[in-house]
Amino acid sequence: PARTSRPGISAAGAAASTSVGLIQSAP
């Protein structure tokens, strides 16, 4: 399940605020 997003994220801060990735194991 994806987490609730934080609205208003800026392009400059997007990389820094990216959390632990989502892993999709099924096709």
PDB file of all heavy atoms in Angstrom:
ATOM      1  N   PRO A   1       0.829  -1.213   0.000  1.00  0.00           N
ATOM      2  CA  PRO A   1       0.000   0.000   0.000  1.00  0.00           C
ATOM      3  C   PRO A   1       0.855   1.251   0.000  1.00  0.00           C
ATOM      4  O   PRO A   1       1.834   1.346   0.720  1.00  0.00           O
ATOM      5  CB  PRO A   1      -0.805  -0.119   1.303  1.00  0.00           C
ATOM      6  CG  PRO A   1      -0.784  -1.573   1.638  1.00  0.00           C
ATOM      7  CD  PRO A   1       0.529  -2.094   1.146  1.00  0.00           C
ATOM      8  N   ALA A   2       0.464   2.202  -0.831  1.00  0.00           N
ATOM      9  CA  ALA A   2       1.171   3.481  -0.880  1.00  0.00           C
ATOM     10  C   ALA A   2       0.700   4.356   0.273  1.00  0.00           C
ATOM     11  O   ALA A   2      -0.458   4.336   0.652  1.00  0.00           O
ATOM     12  CB  ALA A   2       0.908   4.181  -2.208  1.00  0.00           C
ATOM     13  N   ARG A   3       1.613   5.186   0.811  1.00  0.00           N
ATOM     14  CA  ARG A   3       1.251   6.057   1.923  1.00  0.00           C
ATOM     15  C   ARG A   3       0.576   7.313   1.431  1.00  0.00           C
ATOM     16  O   ARG A   3       0.710   7.708   0.290  1.00  0.00           O
ATOM     17  CB  ARG A   3       2.515   6.424   2.707  1.00  0.00           C
ATOM     18  CG  ARG A   3       3.227   5.208   3.286  1.00  0.00           C
ATOM     19  CD  ARG A   3       4.352   5.641   4.187  1.00  0.00           C
ATOM     20  NE  ARG A   3       5.214   6.593   3.515  1.00  0.00           N
ATOM     21  CZ  ARG A   3       6.205   7.223   4.140  1.00  0.00           C
ATOM     22  NH1 ARG A   3       6.410   7.030   5.412  1.00  0.00           N
ATOM     23  NH2 ARG A   3       6.973   8.065   3.482  1.00  0.00           N
ATOM     24  N   THR A   4      -0.116   7.969   2.333  1.00  0.00           N
ATOM     25  CA  THR A   4      -0.771   9.232   1.973  1.00  0.00           C
ATOM     26  C   THR A   4       0.286  10.260   1.630  1.00  0.00           C
ATOM     27  O   THR A   4       1.276  10.402   2.325  1.00  0.00           O
ATOM     28  CB  THR A   4      -1.614   9.737   3.152  1.00  0.00           C
ATOM     29  OG1 THR A   4      -2.552   8.727   3.488  1.00  0.00           O
ATOM     30  CG2 THR A   4      -2.330  11.017   2.784  1.00  0.00           C
ATOM     31  N   SER A   5       0.070  10.995   0.528  1.00  0.00           N
ATOM     32  CA  SER A   5       1.066  11.956   0.073  1.00  0.00           C
ATOM     33  C   SER A   5       0.976  13.246   0.866  1.00  0.00           C
ATOM     34  O   SER A   5      -0.032  13.558   1.473  1.00  0.00           O
ATOM     35  CB  SER A   5       0.867  12.254  -1.419  1.00  0.00           C
ATOM     36  OG  SER A   5      -0.339  12.955  -1.586  1.00  0.00           O
ATOM     37  N   ARG A   6       2.070  13.991   0.797  1.00  0.00           N
ATOM     38  CA  ARG A   6       2.103  15.327   1.377  1.00  0.00           C
ATOM     39  C   ARG A   6       1.940  16.299   0.235  1.00  0.00           C
ATOM     40  O   ARG A   6       2.836  16.429  -0.603  1.00  0.00           O
ATOM     41  CB  ARG A   6       3.426  15.557   2.106  1.00  0.00           C
ATOM     42  CG  ARG A   6       3.606  14.657   3.301  1.00  0.00           C
ATOM     43  CD  ARG A   6       4.861  15.058   4.061  1.00  0.00           C
ATOM     44  NE  ARG A   6       6.046  14.890   3.254  1.00  0.00           N
ATOM     45  CZ  ARG A   6       6.924  13.917   3.449  1.00  0.00           C
ATOM     46  NH1 ARG A   6       6.725  13.022   4.371  1.00  0.00           N
ATOM     47  NH2 ARG A   6       7.988  13.827   2.681  1.00  0.00           N
ATOM     48  N   PRO A   7       0.817  17.010   0.127  1.00  0.00           N
ATOM     49  CA  PRO A   7       0.603  17.914  -1.003  1.00  0.00           C
ATOM     50  C   PRO A   7       1.594  19.056  -0.994  1.00  0.00           C
ATOM     51  O   PRO A   7       2.118  19.446   0.030  1.00  0.00           O
ATOM     52  CB  PRO A   7      -0.834  18.400  -0.792  1.00  0.00           C
ATOM     53  CG  PRO A   7      -1.091  18.222   0.658  1.00  0.00           C
ATOM     54  CD  PRO A   7      -0.302  17.020   1.073  1.00  0.00           C
ATOM     55  N   GLY A   8       1.831  19.590  -2.190  1.00  0.00           N
ATOM     56  CA  GLY A   8       2.663  20.767  -2.312  1.00  0.00           C
ATOM     57  C   GLY A   8       4.138  20.489  -2.325  1.00  0.00           C
ATOM     58  O   GLY A   8       4.948  21.385  -2.122  1.00  0.00           O
ATOM     59  N   ILE A   9       4.562  19.237  -2.577  1.00  0.00           N
ATOM     60  CA  ILE A   9       5.980  18.930  -2.615  1.00  0.00           C
ATOM     61  C   ILE A   9       6.630  19.658  -3.779  1.00  0.00           C
ATOM     62  O   ILE A   9       6.086  19.707  -4.862  1.00  0.00           O
ATOM     63  CB  ILE A   9       6.201  17.406  -2.717  1.00  0.00           C
ATOM     64  CG1 ILE A   9       7.687  17.079  -2.661  1.00  0.00           C
ATOM     65  CG2 ILE A   9       5.584  16.828  -3.945  1.00  0.00           C
ATOM     66  CD1 ILE A   9       7.965  15.611  -2.512  1.00  0.00           C
ATOM     67  N   SER A  10       7.780  20.258  -3.593  1.00  0.00           N
ATOM     68  CA  SER A  10       8.436  21.007  -4.654  1.00  0.00           C
ATOM     69  C   SER A  10       9.381  20.103  -5.423  1.00  0.00           C
ATOM     70  O   SER A  10       9.812  19.075  -4.951  1.00  0.00           O
ATOM     71  CB  SER A  10       9.231  22.169  -4.054  1.00  0.00           C
ATOM     72  OG  SER A  10      10.303  21.673  -3.282  1.00  0.00           O
ATOM     73  N   ALA A  11       9.753  20.546  -6.645  1.00  0.00           N
ATOM     74  CA  ALA A  11      10.677  19.761  -7.452  1.00  0.00           C
ATOM     75  C   ALA A  11      12.031  19.676  -6.771  1.00  0.00           C
ATOM     76  O   ALA A  11      12.697  18.653  -6.810  1.00  0.00           O
ATOM     77  CB  ALA A  11      10.826  20.411  -8.834  1.00  0.00           C
ATOM     78  N   ALA A  12      12.461  20.764  -6.124  1.00  0.00           N
ATOM     79  CA  ALA A  12      13.763  20.767  -5.488  1.00  0.00           C
ATOM     80  C   ALA A  12      13.824  19.820  -4.311  1.00  0.00           C
ATOM     81  O   ALA A  12      14.857  19.213  -4.029  1.00  0.00           O
ATOM     82  CB  ALA A  12      14.115  22.186  -5.030  1.00  0.00           C
ATOM     83  N   GLY A  13      12.687  19.661  -3.602  1.00  0.00           N
ATOM     84  CA  GLY A  13      12.699  18.838  -2.408  1.00  0.00           C
ATOM     85  C   GLY A  13      12.232  17.429  -2.635  1.00  0.00           C
ATOM     86  O   GLY A  13      12.216  16.621  -1.707  1.00  0.00           O
ATOM     87  N   ALA A  14      11.836  17.096  -3.856  1.00  0.00           N
ATOM     88  CA  ALA A  14      11.250  15.782  -4.098  1.00  0.00           C
ATOM     89  C   ALA A  14      12.235  14.671  -3.834  1.00  0.00           C
ATOM     90  O   ALA A  14      11.901  13.656  -3.236  1.00  0.00           O
ATOM     91  CB  ALA A  14      10.738  15.698  -5.542  1.00  0.00           C
ATOM     92  N   ALA A  15      13.494  14.827  -4.289  1.00  0.00           N
ATOM     93  CA  ALA A  15      14.467  13.762  -4.117  1.00  0.00           C
ATOM     94  C   ALA A  15      14.797  13.566  -2.643  1.00  0.00           C
ATOM     95  O   ALA A  15      14.916  12.435  -2.157  1.00  0.00           O
ATOM     96  CB  ALA A  15      15.738  14.097  -4.900  1.00  0.00           C
ATOM     97  N   ALA A  16      14.916  14.667  -1.900  1.00  0.00           N
ATOM     98  CA  ALA A  16      15.301  14.572  -0.504  1.00  0.00           C
ATOM     99  C   ALA A  16      14.213  13.942   0.346  1.00  0.00           C
ATOM    100  O   ALA A  16      14.490  13.270   1.333  1.00  0.00           O
ATOM    101  CB  ALA A  16      15.635  15.968   0.032  1.00  0.00           C
ATOM    102  N   SER A  17      12.929  14.136  -0.040  1.00  0.00           N
ATOM    103  CA  SER A  17      11.839  13.666   0.794  1.00  0.00           C
ATOM    104  C   SER A  17      11.354  12.274   0.406  1.00  0.00           C
ATOM    105  O   SER A  17      10.466  11.740   1.028  1.00  0.00           O
ATOM    106  CB  SER A  17      10.666  14.651   0.718  1.00  0.00           C
ATOM    107  OG  SER A  17      10.190  14.734  -0.600  1.00  0.00           O
ATOM    108  N   THR A  18      11.940  11.692  -0.671  1.00  0.00           N
ATOM    109  CA  THR A  18      11.527  10.368  -1.090  1.00  0.00           C
ATOM    110  C   THR A  18      11.853   9.361   0.009  1.00  0.00           C
ATOM    111  O   THR A  18      12.984   9.267   0.466  1.00  0.00           O
ATOM    112  CB  THR A  18      12.232   9.978  -2.397  1.00  0.00           C
ATOM    113  OG1 THR A  18      11.844  10.900  -3.394  1.00  0.00           O
ATOM    114  CG2 THR A  18      11.859   8.580  -2.824  1.00  0.00           C
ATOM    115  N   SER A  19      10.871   8.571   0.414  1.00  0.00           N
ATOM    116  CA  SER A  19      11.052   7.641   1.510  1.00  0.00           C
ATOM    117  C   SER A  19      11.446   6.277   0.968  1.00  0.00           C
ATOM    118  O   SER A  19      11.781   6.114  -0.195  1.00  0.00           O
ATOM    119  CB  SER A  19       9.754   7.559   2.313  1.00  0.00           C
ATOM    120  OG  SER A  19       8.720   7.061   1.484  1.00  0.00           O
ATOM    121  N   VAL A  20      11.434   5.273   1.842  1.00  0.00           N
ATOM    122  CA  VAL A  20      11.761   3.908   1.437  1.00  0.00           C
ATOM    123  C   VAL A  20      10.869   3.505   0.275  1.00  0.00           C
ATOM    124  O   VAL A  20       9.670   3.734   0.281  1.00  0.00           O
ATOM    125  CB  VAL A  20      11.571   2.953   2.627  1.00  0.00           C
ATOM    126  CG1 VAL A  20      11.807   1.509   2.185  1.00  0.00           C
ATOM    127  CG2 VAL A  20      12.524   3.331   3.749  1.00  0.00           C
ATOM    128  N   GLY A  21      11.479   2.893  -0.744  1.00  0.00           N
ATOM    129  CA  GLY A  21      10.761   2.633  -1.982  1.00  0.00           C
ATOM    130  C   GLY A  21       9.668   1.588  -1.865  1.00  0.00           C
ATOM    131  O   GLY A  21       9.660   0.744  -0.971  1.00  0.00           O
ATOM    132  N   LEU A  22       8.753   1.640  -2.809  1.00  0.00           N
ATOM    133  CA  LEU A  22       7.692   0.653  -2.948  1.00  0.00           C
ATOM    134  C   LEU A  22       8.211  -0.484  -3.814  1.00  0.00           C
ATOM    135  O   LEU A  22       8.764  -0.253  -4.892  1.00  0.00           O
ATOM    136  CB  LEU A  22       6.468   1.296  -3.594  1.00  0.00           C
ATOM    137  CG  LEU A  22       5.323   0.369  -3.998  1.00  0.00           C
ATOM    138  CD1 LEU A  22       4.692  -0.292  -2.789  1.00  0.00           C
ATOM    139  CD2 LEU A  22       4.277   1.150  -4.788  1.00  0.00           C
ATOM    140  N   ILE A  23       8.052  -1.731  -3.362  1.00  0.00           N
ATOM    141  CA  ILE A  23       8.503  -2.902  -4.104  1.00  0.00           C
ATOM    142  C   ILE A  23       7.298  -3.662  -4.612  1.00  0.00           C
ATOM    143  O   ILE A  23       6.418  -4.047  -3.843  1.00  0.00           O
ATOM    144  CB  ILE A  23       9.388  -3.816  -3.230  1.00  0.00           C
ATOM    145  CG1 ILE A  23      10.666  -3.068  -2.830  1.00  0.00           C
ATOM    146  CG2 ILE A  23       9.743  -5.088  -3.986  1.00  0.00           C
ATOM    147  CD1 ILE A  23      11.570  -3.848  -1.908  1.00  0.00           C
ATOM    148  N   GLN A  24       7.240  -3.865  -5.917  1.00  0.00           N
ATOM    149  CA  GLN A  24       6.161  -4.605  -6.573  1.00  0.00           C
ATOM    150  C   GLN A  24       6.735  -5.942  -7.043  1.00  0.00           C
ATOM    151  O   GLN A  24       7.563  -5.997  -7.943  1.00  0.00           O
ATOM    152  CB  GLN A  24       5.623  -3.802  -7.757  1.00  0.00           C
ATOM    153  CG  GLN A  24       4.696  -4.573  -8.671  1.00  0.00           C
ATOM    154  CD  GLN A  24       3.380  -4.926  -8.000  1.00  0.00           C
ATOM    155  OE1 GLN A  24       3.009  -4.310  -7.014  1.00  0.00           O
ATOM    156  NE2 GLN A  24       2.687  -5.908  -8.555  1.00  0.00           N
ATOM    157  N   SER A  25       6.303  -7.027  -6.405  1.00  0.00           N
ATOM    158  CA  SER A  25       6.868  -8.340  -6.724  1.00  0.00           C
ATOM    159  C   SER A  25       6.092  -9.082  -7.789  1.00  0.00           C
ATOM    160  O   SER A  25       6.648  -9.938  -8.476  1.00  0.00           O
ATOM    161  CB  SER A  25       6.950  -9.197  -5.452  1.00  0.00           C
ATOM    162  OG  SER A  25       5.666  -9.334  -4.868  1.00  0.00           O
ATOM    163  N   ALA A  26       4.812  -8.794  -7.965  1.00  0.00           N
ATOM    164  CA  ALA A  26       3.994  -9.471  -8.976  1.00  0.00           C
ATOM    165  C   ALA A  26       4.084  -8.735 -10.305  1.00  0.00           C
ATOM    166  O   ALA A  26       4.307  -7.525 -10.337  1.00  0.00           O
ATOM    167  CB  ALA A  26       2.536  -9.536  -8.519  1.00  0.00           C
ATOM    168  N   PRO A  27       3.905  -9.425 -11.421  1.00  0.00           N
ATOM    169  CA  PRO A  27       3.888  -8.744 -12.720  1.00  0.00           C
ATOM    170  C   PRO A  27       2.792  -7.677 -12.768  1.00  0.00           C
ATOM    171  O   PRO A  27       1.717  -7.848 -12.194  1.00  0.00           O
ATOM    172  CB  PRO A  27       3.593  -9.875 -13.712  1.00  0.00           C
ATOM    173  CG  PRO A  27       4.021 -11.121 -13.015  1.00  0.00           C
ATOM    174  CD  PRO A  27       3.740 -10.893 -11.565  1.00  0.00           C
TER     175      PRO A  27
END
